[in-house]
Amino acid sequence: MKLPFLSRRLIIDTESHFYTAAYVKELLKYPLYPHFSEGTSAGIILHFHEDLTLNIKHSLMEELLSIEERLKRMRDAGLSMQVLSLSVPGCEPLQPSLGTRLSKLVNDELAKVIEKYPENFVGLASLAPQDPENAKDEFERAVKDLGLRGVKLHSNIGGKYPDAPEFHYLFEMADKLGVPIYLHPTQSNIAPLRGYGYGLAGPAFGYTFDTALSALRIILSGVLDKYPGAKIILGHLGETLPFIIKRIDFAYKHPWHFMNLPKLRKLPSEYLFTNFYFGTAGIFHQPALKCAYETFGPDLLLFASDYPYENLEESVSFIRQSTIPPEEQEKIFHLNAKKIFNIRI
């Protein structure tokens, strides 16, 4: 099925999420956190932990599960293609054996969807990094055999951050295979972020906080010096990092104040220009877009929607109504994505 997109402008949505029926079924019977439970008639409840829950309405679940509904909404918004990735909680916080099994099932099902709609979708692999040996094999299988264009990694892996040496193989594989890692927010186990539900722990603050923390830990670990070809994508206009970019170098620019700094080949901020891209999803605030654009320029920005959690039409108009010149909007809407994900359309 080919959709009759009418817009002359290609639009590639680099952050768009899904579930599979098998994934939901497994988490409905999973006895630990995170898991799903049957809620009221209004929807299914996602339990991250005892005081952080999300009610997923049936209409939202349909958008996460239904390819037909997704295609319709893409057509209505003028989107050409979406980069699909599994929605939270992912496979990282699960018991290793279940996480590994589900990651393979999800990747296989994703590959079948892409095979059926090659002009509309590419995908990012799901992994269970807590099972390193199997995750490394699955990373390679997903890219080489299934044709997926990278991996989606959550900001913490069951409470551990990906800068830990046990997870460095992820950056080694990204460098070796020439595909990006999408570093996506998830709930944090940091105690002060708990107690106020999604008002604090979710997208309003906790998600951004945890992902910015994760990115800076990756930079300071030195793993990007070891694997300089590794590319990382941050969503939501860089998870506040454009705003604080001059601040993150403070200790290195004033070294007489500090001891035991991690040894890096560059200033921390410089890695944001050489190893990172930045999605535009979910921050519908023109001054924030201007900050990211003026900090990183048009070559490192990727159009993203965070569908189905954000509105596709609003995501598109947010870029179109900005003061970014039309030729640079083209980079954001599709040219940069074609490069980083090796897309040929």
Protein backbone atom coordinates (compact mmCIF):
# COMPACT_ATOMS: atom_id res chain seq x y z
CA MET A 1 0.00 0.00 0.00
CA LYS A 2 1.36 3.38 -1.02
CA LEU A 3 -0.12 6.50 0.49
CA PRO A 4 -0.86 9.44 -1.82
CA PHE A 5 1.06 12.05 0.17
CA LEU A 6 0.30 15.41 -1.39
CA SER A 7 3.01 17.53 0.20
CA ARG A 8 5.98 18.30 -2.02
CA ARG A 9 8.12 18.38 1.10
CA LEU A 10 9.37 15.09 2.44
CA ILE A 11 8.82 14.74 6.15
CA ILE A 12 10.52 11.97 8.11
CA ASP A 13 9.34 11.62 11.69
CA THR A 14 12.31 10.32 13.69
CA GLU A 15 10.49 9.64 16.98
CA SER A 16 7.36 7.57 16.73
CA HIS A 17 6.40 4.77 19.09
CA PHE A 18 4.49 1.52 18.98
CA TYR A 19 3.53 -1.57 20.94
CA THR A 20 2.94 -5.07 19.67
CA ALA A 21 0.10 -7.23 20.92
CA ALA A 22 2.56 -9.88 22.12
CA TYR A 23 4.54 -7.30 24.12
CA VAL A 24 1.40 -5.98 25.84
CA LYS A 25 0.22 -9.52 26.58
CA GLU A 26 3.52 -10.42 28.24
CA LEU A 27 3.54 -7.32 30.43
CA LEU A 28 -0.07 -7.92 31.47
CA LYS A 29 1.08 -11.10 33.20
CA TYR A 30 4.52 -9.92 34.36
CA PRO A 31 4.55 -10.03 38.19
CA LEU A 32 7.24 -7.39 38.74
CA TYR A 33 7.59 -3.70 37.83
CA PRO A 34 7.06 -2.42 35.21
CA HIS A 35 3.89 -4.13 34.05
CA PHE A 36 0.44 -3.53 32.63
CA SER A 37 -2.87 -4.27 34.32
CA GLU A 38 -6.41 -4.21 33.06
CA GLY A 39 -7.81 -0.89 34.17
CA THR A 40 -11.31 0.45 33.99
CA SER A 41 -13.32 0.58 30.79
CA ALA A 42 -11.24 3.66 29.94
CA GLY A 43 -7.99 1.80 29.30
CA ILE A 44 -4.99 -0.22 30.45
CA ILE A 45 -2.76 0.90 33.31
CA LEU A 46 1.04 0.94 33.00
CA HIS A 47 2.70 0.56 36.41
CA PHE A 48 6.31 1.79 36.46
CA HIS A 49 6.38 1.32 40.21
CA GLU A 50 3.93 1.56 43.10
CA ASP A 51 3.50 5.35 42.94
CA LEU A 52 3.98 6.01 39.23
CA THR A 53 1.21 4.82 36.94
CA LEU A 54 -0.09 5.81 33.54
CA ASN A 55 -3.60 5.17 32.25
CA ILE A 56 -3.34 4.33 28.56
CA LYS A 57 -6.75 4.99 27.08
CA HIS A 58 -8.08 2.51 24.56
CA SER A 59 -7.88 5.13 21.81
CA LEU A 60 -4.20 5.72 22.57
CA MET A 61 -3.52 1.98 22.74
CA GLU A 62 -5.14 1.61 19.32
CA GLU A 63 -2.75 4.20 17.90
CA LEU A 64 0.20 2.36 19.46
CA LEU A 65 -0.93 -1.00 18.06
CA SER A 66 -2.65 -0.19 14.75
CA ILE A 67 -0.61 0.30 11.59
CA GLU A 68 -3.72 1.30 9.64
CA GLU A 69 -4.59 4.10 12.08
CA ARG A 70 -0.96 5.25 12.03
CA LEU A 71 -0.89 5.41 8.23
CA LYS A 72 -4.11 7.41 8.18
CA ARG A 73 -2.76 9.96 10.64
CA MET A 74 0.52 10.19 8.74
CA ARG A 75 -1.37 10.91 5.54
CA ASP A 76 -3.52 13.55 7.21
CA ALA A 77 -0.43 15.32 8.58
CA GLY A 78 1.57 15.04 5.34
CA LEU A 79 4.26 12.74 6.74
CA SER A 80 6.28 10.64 4.33
CA MET A 81 7.90 8.21 6.76
CA GLN A 82 8.24 7.35 10.44
CA VAL A 83 11.16 5.85 12.32
CA LEU A 84 9.43 3.35 14.61
CA SER A 85 10.60 2.42 18.11
CA LEU A 86 9.05 0.48 20.97
CA SER A 87 7.33 2.67 23.55
CA VAL A 88 8.13 2.74 27.26
CA PRO A 89 8.92 0.79 29.34
CA GLY A 90 10.91 -1.11 26.72
CA CYS A 91 12.82 -4.30 27.45
CA GLU A 92 15.57 -2.79 29.64
CA PRO A 93 13.89 -2.98 33.09
CA LEU A 94 12.64 -6.56 32.68
CA GLN A 95 14.23 -9.76 33.92
CA PRO A 96 17.06 -10.54 31.46
CA SER A 97 15.55 -13.70 29.99
CA LEU A 98 12.17 -12.05 29.35
CA GLY A 99 13.74 -8.85 28.07
CA THR A 100 15.88 -10.78 25.59
CA ARG A 101 12.97 -12.90 24.37
CA LEU A 102 10.67 -9.91 23.97
CA SER A 103 13.30 -7.81 22.19
CA LYS A 104 13.66 -10.50 19.54
CA LEU A 105 9.89 -10.88 19.13
CA VAL A 106 9.39 -7.11 18.85
CA ASN A 107 12.25 -6.71 16.36
CA ASP A 108 10.93 -9.54 14.19
CA GLU A 109 7.43 -8.07 14.13
CA LEU A 110 8.78 -4.58 13.40
CA ALA A 111 10.81 -5.94 10.47
CA LYS A 112 7.65 -7.52 9.01
CA VAL A 113 5.80 -4.19 9.15
CA ILE A 114 8.71 -2.43 7.44
CA GLU A 115 8.86 -5.13 4.77
CA LYS A 116 5.17 -4.55 4.04
CA TYR A 117 5.45 -0.73 4.04
CA PRO A 118 9.05 0.04 3.02
CA GLU A 119 8.21 3.54 1.78
CA ASN A 120 6.52 4.52 5.04
CA PHE A 121 8.62 3.02 7.83
CA VAL A 122 12.09 2.25 9.04
CA GLY A 123 12.79 1.02 12.54
CA LEU A 124 15.00 1.03 15.60
CA ALA A 125 15.75 -2.21 17.38
CA SER A 126 14.76 -2.99 20.95
CA LEU A 127 17.41 -4.56 23.16
CA ALA A 128 17.78 -6.02 26.65
CA PRO A 129 21.22 -4.61 27.52
CA GLN A 130 21.02 -6.20 30.98
CA ASP A 131 21.80 -9.45 29.12
CA PRO A 132 25.00 -8.23 27.37
CA GLU A 133 25.98 -11.33 25.41
CA ASN A 134 22.55 -11.81 23.87
CA ALA A 135 21.98 -8.07 23.41
CA LYS A 136 25.20 -7.73 21.43
CA ASP A 137 24.12 -10.56 19.13
CA GLU A 138 20.64 -9.07 18.80
CA PHE A 139 22.06 -5.63 17.97
CA GLU A 140 23.99 -7.17 15.07
CA ARG A 141 21.12 -9.39 13.93
CA ALA A 142 18.64 -6.52 13.99
CA VAL A 143 20.85 -4.33 11.82
CA LYS A 144 22.44 -6.87 9.48
CA ASP A 145 19.64 -9.41 9.08
CA LEU A 146 16.47 -7.41 9.78
CA GLY A 147 17.60 -4.11 8.25
CA LEU A 148 16.78 -1.96 11.27
CA ARG A 149 18.55 1.41 11.27
CA GLY A 150 19.80 1.64 14.85
CA VAL A 151 18.64 0.94 18.37
CA LYS A 152 16.45 2.71 20.89
CA LEU A 153 18.06 2.75 24.33
CA HIS A 154 16.34 4.16 27.39
CA SER A 155 18.06 6.65 29.64
CA ASN A 156 18.60 4.08 32.36
CA ILE A 157 18.72 0.32 32.23
CA GLY A 158 16.78 -0.88 35.23
CA GLY A 159 18.27 1.96 37.27
CA LYS A 160 21.82 1.66 35.87
CA TYR A 161 23.10 4.24 33.40
CA PRO A 162 24.60 3.25 30.03
CA ASP A 163 27.97 4.81 30.84
CA ALA A 164 28.68 1.79 33.06
CA PRO A 165 31.54 -0.29 31.56
CA GLU A 166 29.25 -3.31 31.23
CA PHE A 167 27.24 -1.40 28.60
CA HIS A 168 30.10 0.04 26.56
CA TYR A 169 29.57 -2.68 23.97
CA LEU A 170 26.48 -0.71 22.84
CA PHE A 171 28.66 2.18 21.67
CA GLU A 172 31.19 -0.22 20.19
CA MET A 173 28.43 -1.83 18.11
CA ALA A 174 26.97 1.54 17.05
CA ASP A 175 30.43 2.61 15.87
CA LYS A 176 31.14 -0.70 14.17
CA LEU A 177 27.78 -0.94 12.37
CA GLY A 178 27.45 2.77 11.58
CA VAL A 179 23.99 3.19 13.10
CA PRO A 180 22.73 5.57 15.82
CA ILE A 181 21.52 4.99 19.35
CA TYR A 182 18.33 6.87 20.21
CA LEU A 183 18.68 7.74 23.90
CA HIS A 184 15.06 8.01 25.00
CA PRO A 185 13.62 9.06 28.36
CA THR A 186 12.21 6.64 30.85
CA GLN A 187 11.27 6.79 34.51
CA SER A 188 14.06 7.35 36.99
CA ASN A 189 14.69 5.50 40.23
CA ILE A 190 16.09 8.64 41.84
CA ALA A 191 14.06 9.10 45.03
CA PRO A 192 13.40 12.90 44.85
CA LEU A 193 11.63 12.40 41.53
CA ARG A 194 9.03 10.19 43.16
CA GLY A 195 5.96 11.13 45.15
CA TYR A 196 4.18 13.40 42.68
CA GLY A 197 3.48 10.92 39.90
CA TYR A 198 3.74 12.09 36.34
CA GLY A 199 3.56 15.69 37.48
CA LEU A 200 7.26 15.44 38.37
CA ALA A 201 8.62 12.06 37.28
CA GLY A 202 7.25 12.12 33.75
CA PRO A 203 7.75 14.38 30.71
CA ALA A 204 7.35 17.57 32.76
CA PHE A 205 10.75 17.14 34.40
CA GLY A 206 11.85 13.64 35.36
CA TYR A 207 12.17 12.33 31.82
CA THR A 208 14.29 15.26 30.73
CA PHE A 209 16.37 15.21 33.91
CA ASP A 210 17.16 11.50 33.60
CA THR A 211 18.04 11.68 29.91
CA ALA A 212 20.26 14.76 30.24
CA LEU A 213 21.99 13.06 33.17
CA SER A 214 22.43 9.89 31.12
CA ALA A 215 23.89 11.80 28.15
CA LEU A 216 26.38 13.69 30.30
CA ARG A 217 27.45 10.49 32.05
CA ILE A 218 28.11 8.94 28.64
CA ILE A 219 30.25 11.93 27.64
CA LEU A 220 32.21 12.03 30.89
CA SER A 221 32.84 8.27 30.85
CA GLY A 222 35.16 8.69 27.87
CA VAL A 223 33.40 5.98 25.88
CA LEU A 224 32.98 8.37 22.93
CA ASP A 225 36.76 8.81 22.81
CA LYS A 226 37.08 5.05 22.54
CA TYR A 227 34.33 4.76 19.92
CA PRO A 228 34.33 8.16 18.17
CA GLY A 229 32.02 7.03 15.39
CA ALA A 230 29.14 6.32 17.76
CA LYS A 231 26.17 8.62 17.16
CA ILE A 232 23.50 9.35 19.76
CA ILE A 233 20.13 11.01 19.24
CA LEU A 234 18.50 13.02 22.02
CA GLY A 235 14.87 14.03 21.78
CA HIS A 236 12.94 17.05 22.99
CA LEU A 237 15.33 19.68 21.65
CA GLY A 238 18.30 18.14 23.45
CA GLU A 239 16.75 17.54 26.89
CA THR A 240 17.79 21.04 28.17
CA LEU A 241 21.44 20.66 27.10
CA PRO A 242 21.38 23.54 24.56
CA PHE A 243 20.40 25.90 27.36
CA ILE A 244 23.22 24.81 29.71
CA ILE A 245 25.85 24.05 27.08
CA LYS A 246 28.34 26.63 28.37
CA ARG A 247 27.80 25.51 31.93
CA ILE A 248 28.72 21.86 31.39
CA ASP A 249 32.31 22.84 30.58
CA PHE A 250 32.78 24.83 33.79
CA ALA A 251 34.98 22.34 35.63
CA TYR A 252 37.23 21.91 32.59
CA LYS A 253 37.60 25.63 31.96
CA HIS A 254 38.42 26.31 35.61
CA PRO A 255 40.53 23.27 36.46
CA TRP A 256 42.35 24.95 39.35
CA HIS A 257 39.12 24.62 41.34
CA PHE A 258 38.65 20.92 40.82
CA MET A 259 40.48 17.62 41.10
CA ASN A 260 39.99 14.15 39.67
CA LEU A 261 38.19 15.28 36.52
CA PRO A 262 37.58 12.57 33.93
CA LYS A 263 40.24 12.76 31.22
CA LEU A 264 38.64 13.63 27.90
CA ARG A 265 40.09 14.53 24.52
CA LYS A 266 37.68 17.46 24.18
CA LEU A 267 35.53 19.69 26.31
CA PRO A 268 32.28 17.95 27.31
CA SER A 269 30.19 20.30 25.17
CA GLU A 270 32.20 19.52 22.05
CA TYR A 271 30.92 15.94 21.98
CA LEU A 272 27.41 17.32 21.49
CA PHE A 273 28.55 18.64 18.09
CA THR A 274 30.46 15.54 16.98
CA ASN A 275 28.43 12.62 18.35
CA PHE A 276 24.85 13.82 18.85
CA TYR A 277 21.70 14.72 16.93
CA PHE A 278 18.63 16.36 18.44
CA GLY A 279 14.94 15.67 17.82
CA THR A 280 12.29 18.39 17.90
CA ALA A 281 9.42 16.49 19.57
CA GLY A 282 7.21 17.69 22.35
CA ILE A 283 8.61 21.15 23.12
CA PHE A 284 6.19 23.45 21.31
CA HIS A 285 7.95 26.61 22.41
CA GLN A 286 9.55 28.74 19.71
CA PRO A 287 12.22 30.27 22.01
CA ALA A 288 13.33 26.74 22.94
CA LEU A 289 13.54 25.78 19.27
CA LYS A 290 15.51 28.95 18.58
CA CYS A 291 17.93 28.06 21.38
CA ALA A 292 18.55 24.58 19.96
CA TYR A 293 18.80 25.89 16.40
CA GLU A 294 21.20 28.71 17.28
CA THR A 295 23.29 26.37 19.43
CA PHE A 296 23.63 23.42 17.06
CA GLY A 297 22.61 24.79 13.67
CA PRO A 298 20.29 23.06 11.20
CA ASP A 299 22.56 20.10 10.44
CA LEU A 300 22.07 18.38 13.81
CA LEU A 301 18.29 18.80 14.20
CA LEU A 302 15.80 16.06 13.30
CA PHE A 303 12.06 16.47 12.91
CA ALA A 304 10.25 14.34 15.48
CA SER A 305 6.72 14.07 16.82
CA ASP A 306 6.71 11.60 19.74
CA TYR A 307 3.58 10.10 18.15
CA PRO A 308 1.09 9.07 19.45
CA TYR A 309 1.78 11.01 22.63
CA GLU A 310 1.93 14.30 20.71
CA ASN A 311 -0.10 15.63 17.80
CA LEU A 312 1.40 15.12 14.32
CA GLU A 313 -0.09 18.26 12.77
CA GLU A 314 1.12 20.44 15.63
CA SER A 315 4.58 18.90 15.42
CA VAL A 316 4.83 19.78 11.72
CA SER A 317 3.41 23.30 12.04
CA PHE A 318 5.79 24.02 14.93
CA ILE A 319 8.73 23.78 12.52
CA ARG A 320 6.98 25.37 9.55
CA GLN A 321 5.92 28.41 11.58
CA SER A 322 9.40 29.02 12.94
CA THR A 323 11.81 31.63 11.60
CA ILE A 324 14.19 28.91 10.38
CA PRO A 325 14.78 29.50 6.64
CA PRO A 326 12.89 27.09 4.33
CA GLU A 327 16.05 25.51 2.92
CA GLU A 328 17.22 24.73 6.46
CA GLN A 329 13.80 23.40 7.40
CA GLU A 330 14.36 20.86 4.63
CA LYS A 331 17.40 19.58 6.52
CA ILE A 332 15.34 19.24 9.68
CA PHE A 333 12.34 17.66 7.98
CA HIS A 334 14.18 14.98 6.01
CA LEU A 335 17.75 15.55 4.80
CA ASN A 336 19.44 14.98 8.16
CA ALA A 337 17.30 11.92 8.86
CA LYS A 338 18.15 10.40 5.50
CA LYS A 339 21.81 10.75 6.38
CA ILE A 340 21.81 9.43 9.94
CA PHE A 341 19.40 6.56 9.21
CA ASN A 342 20.68 5.76 5.71
CA ILE A 343 17.25 6.28 4.17
CA ARG A 344 16.85 6.33 0.39
CA ILE A 345 13.49 7.79 -0.61
